[in-house]
């Protein structure tokens, strides 16, 4: 599994996912906030399976 999520993309995914999960924990948005686990996980692992079919990468290619 090669990383395909770059630095800024990872940071945004982690923050967005954590905000959604936190809002769900505090009852602000209901159970839909648990979907924030998806961007949180892809940000932490640095890999997004949705990028594969499109050949997208937001990280630098190692030479």
N, C-alpha and C. Protein backbone atom coordinates (compact mmCIF):
# COMPACT_ATOMS: atom_id res chain seq x y z
N UNK A 1 0.85 -1.17 0.00
CA UNK A 1 0.00 0.00 0.00
C UNK A 1 0.90 1.24 0.00
N UNK A 2 0.95 1.91 -1.13
CA UNK A 2 1.76 3.13 -1.25
C UNK A 2 0.93 4.34 -0.84
N UNK A 3 1.58 5.28 -0.19
CA UNK A 3 0.88 6.50 0.23
C UNK A 3 0.47 7.30 -1.00
N UNK A 4 -0.74 7.82 -0.98
CA UNK A 4 -1.19 8.67 -2.08
C UNK A 4 -1.86 9.95 -1.57
N UNK A 5 -1.73 10.22 -0.28
CA UNK A 5 -2.30 11.43 0.32
C UNK A 5 -1.15 12.26 0.88
N UNK A 6 -1.02 13.50 0.40
CA UNK A 6 0.08 14.37 0.78
C UNK A 6 -0.17 15.13 2.08
N UNK A 7 0.79 15.99 2.42
CA UNK A 7 0.81 16.67 3.71
C UNK A 7 -0.39 17.54 4.01
N UNK A 8 -0.72 18.49 3.14
CA UNK A 8 -1.85 19.39 3.40
C UNK A 8 -3.15 18.60 3.36
N UNK A 9 -3.27 17.70 2.40
CA UNK A 9 -4.46 16.85 2.28
C UNK A 9 -4.65 16.02 3.55
N UNK A 10 -3.56 15.45 4.05
CA UNK A 10 -3.63 14.64 5.28
C UNK A 10 -4.09 15.48 6.46
N UNK A 11 -3.50 16.65 6.61
CA UNK A 11 -3.85 17.52 7.74
C UNK A 11 -5.32 17.92 7.70
N UNK A 12 -5.81 18.29 6.52
CA UNK A 12 -7.21 18.67 6.38
C UNK A 12 -8.14 17.49 6.68
N UNK A 13 -7.78 16.31 6.22
CA UNK A 13 -8.60 15.12 6.48
C UNK A 13 -8.66 14.81 7.97
N UNK A 14 -7.51 14.90 8.65
CA UNK A 14 -7.46 14.60 10.08
C UNK A 14 -8.30 15.61 10.87
N UNK A 15 -8.14 16.89 10.56
CA UNK A 15 -8.90 17.93 11.28
C UNK A 15 -10.39 17.78 11.01
N UNK A 16 -10.77 17.64 9.74
CA UNK A 16 -12.18 17.51 9.37
C UNK A 16 -12.81 16.28 10.01
N UNK A 17 -12.12 15.16 9.96
CA UNK A 17 -12.63 13.93 10.56
C UNK A 17 -12.77 14.05 12.07
N UNK A 18 -11.78 14.63 12.72
CA UNK A 18 -11.84 14.79 14.17
C UNK A 18 -12.97 15.73 14.59
N UNK A 19 -13.20 16.79 13.81
CA UNK A 19 -14.29 17.72 14.11
C UNK A 19 -15.63 17.02 13.97
N UNK A 20 -15.81 16.23 12.92
CA UNK A 20 -17.07 15.51 12.74
C UNK A 20 -17.32 14.51 13.87
N UNK A 21 -16.30 13.74 14.22
CA UNK A 21 -16.46 12.76 15.30
C UNK A 21 -16.72 13.48 16.63
N UNK A 22 -16.00 14.55 16.88
CA UNK A 22 -16.20 15.31 18.12
C UNK A 22 -17.60 15.90 18.20
N UNK A 23 -18.08 16.44 17.08
CA UNK A 23 -19.43 17.00 17.06
C UNK A 23 -20.47 15.91 17.31
N UNK A 24 -20.21 14.73 16.82
CA UNK A 24 -21.13 13.62 17.04
C UNK A 24 -21.09 13.19 18.51
N UNK A 25 -19.90 13.16 19.09
CA UNK A 25 -19.78 12.78 20.50
C UNK A 25 -20.53 13.74 21.42
N UNK A 26 -20.51 15.03 21.07
CA UNK A 26 -21.17 16.03 21.91
C UNK A 26 -22.62 16.24 21.52
N UNK A 27 -23.13 15.47 20.58
CA UNK A 27 -24.54 15.52 20.22
C UNK A 27 -24.93 16.69 19.32
N UNK A 28 -23.96 17.34 18.71
CA UNK A 28 -24.27 18.50 17.88
C UNK A 28 -24.84 18.12 16.52
N UNK A 29 -24.42 16.98 15.95
CA UNK A 29 -24.88 16.64 14.61
C UNK A 29 -25.48 15.25 14.50
N UNK A 30 -25.51 14.52 15.55
CA UNK A 30 -26.12 13.20 15.51
C UNK A 30 -25.16 12.12 15.02
N UNK A 31 -25.69 10.94 14.71
CA UNK A 31 -24.85 9.80 14.36
C UNK A 31 -24.11 9.93 13.03
N UNK A 32 -24.54 10.86 12.17
CA UNK A 32 -23.85 11.02 10.88
C UNK A 32 -22.41 11.49 11.07
N UNK A 33 -22.11 12.06 12.19
CA UNK A 33 -20.76 12.54 12.45
C UNK A 33 -19.73 11.42 12.52
N UNK A 34 -20.19 10.20 12.77
CA UNK A 34 -19.27 9.07 12.82
C UNK A 34 -18.68 8.76 11.45
N UNK A 35 -19.27 9.31 10.39
CA UNK A 35 -18.66 9.17 9.06
C UNK A 35 -17.32 9.90 9.00
N UNK A 36 -17.05 10.75 9.97
CA UNK A 36 -15.77 11.43 10.07
C UNK A 36 -14.62 10.47 10.32
N UNK A 37 -14.93 9.23 10.71
CA UNK A 37 -13.87 8.23 10.88
C UNK A 37 -13.19 7.91 9.55
N UNK A 38 -13.91 8.06 8.45
CA UNK A 38 -13.33 7.75 7.14
C UNK A 38 -12.22 8.73 6.78
N UNK A 39 -12.48 10.05 6.76
CA UNK A 39 -11.37 10.96 6.46
C UNK A 39 -10.28 10.93 7.53
N UNK A 40 -10.67 10.68 8.78
CA UNK A 40 -9.68 10.58 9.84
C UNK A 40 -8.72 9.42 9.59
N UNK A 41 -9.26 8.27 9.24
CA UNK A 41 -8.43 7.09 8.98
C UNK A 41 -7.57 7.27 7.73
N UNK A 42 -8.14 7.81 6.66
CA UNK A 42 -7.35 8.00 5.45
C UNK A 42 -6.25 9.02 5.67
N UNK A 43 -6.51 10.01 6.50
CA UNK A 43 -5.47 10.99 6.82
C UNK A 43 -4.37 10.40 7.68
N UNK A 44 -4.74 9.57 8.65
CA UNK A 44 -3.73 8.96 9.52
C UNK A 44 -2.87 7.93 8.79
N UNK A 45 -3.50 7.17 7.89
CA UNK A 45 -2.75 6.14 7.15
C UNK A 45 -2.06 6.69 5.91
N UNK A 46 -2.49 7.85 5.43
CA UNK A 46 -1.88 8.43 4.24
C UNK A 46 -2.25 7.73 2.95
N UNK A 47 -3.36 7.00 2.98
CA UNK A 47 -3.79 6.24 1.80
C UNK A 47 -5.30 6.38 1.64
N UNK A 48 -5.72 6.74 0.43
CA UNK A 48 -7.14 6.88 0.13
C UNK A 48 -7.50 5.94 -1.02
N UNK A 49 -8.30 4.91 -0.76
CA UNK A 49 -8.66 3.98 -1.83
C UNK A 49 -9.49 4.62 -2.94
N UNK A 50 -10.18 5.71 -2.66
CA UNK A 50 -10.98 6.39 -3.68
C UNK A 50 -10.09 7.07 -4.73
N UNK A 51 -8.84 7.34 -4.40
CA UNK A 51 -7.91 7.95 -5.35
C UNK A 51 -7.42 6.95 -6.40
N UNK A 52 -7.43 5.67 -6.09
CA UNK A 52 -6.85 4.65 -6.97
C UNK A 52 -7.48 4.60 -8.37
N UNK A 53 -8.80 4.53 -8.51
CA UNK A 53 -9.36 4.42 -9.87
C UNK A 53 -9.06 5.62 -10.75
N UNK A 54 -8.83 6.77 -10.14
CA UNK A 54 -8.57 7.99 -10.89
C UNK A 54 -7.09 8.29 -11.06
N UNK A 55 -6.24 7.51 -10.41
CA UNK A 55 -4.80 7.72 -10.49
C UNK A 55 -4.34 8.99 -9.80
N UNK A 56 -5.07 9.44 -8.81
CA UNK A 56 -4.72 10.68 -8.12
C UNK A 56 -3.70 10.42 -7.02
N UNK A 57 -2.83 11.40 -6.79
CA UNK A 57 -1.91 11.42 -5.66
C UNK A 57 -1.68 12.87 -5.29
N UNK A 58 -1.72 13.14 -4.01
CA UNK A 58 -1.43 14.49 -3.55
C UNK A 58 -0.11 14.56 -2.82
N UNK A 59 0.61 13.45 -2.82
CA UNK A 59 1.93 13.44 -2.17
C UNK A 59 3.01 13.40 -3.25
N UNK A 60 4.18 13.75 -2.83
CA UNK A 60 5.31 13.75 -3.76
C UNK A 60 5.71 12.32 -4.10
N UNK A 61 6.16 12.14 -5.32
CA UNK A 61 6.61 10.83 -5.77
C UNK A 61 8.08 10.69 -5.41
N UNK A 62 8.43 9.59 -4.72
CA UNK A 62 9.82 9.35 -4.36
C UNK A 62 10.58 8.88 -5.58
N UNK A 63 11.77 9.48 -5.77
CA UNK A 63 12.59 9.12 -6.93
C UNK A 63 13.77 8.29 -6.51
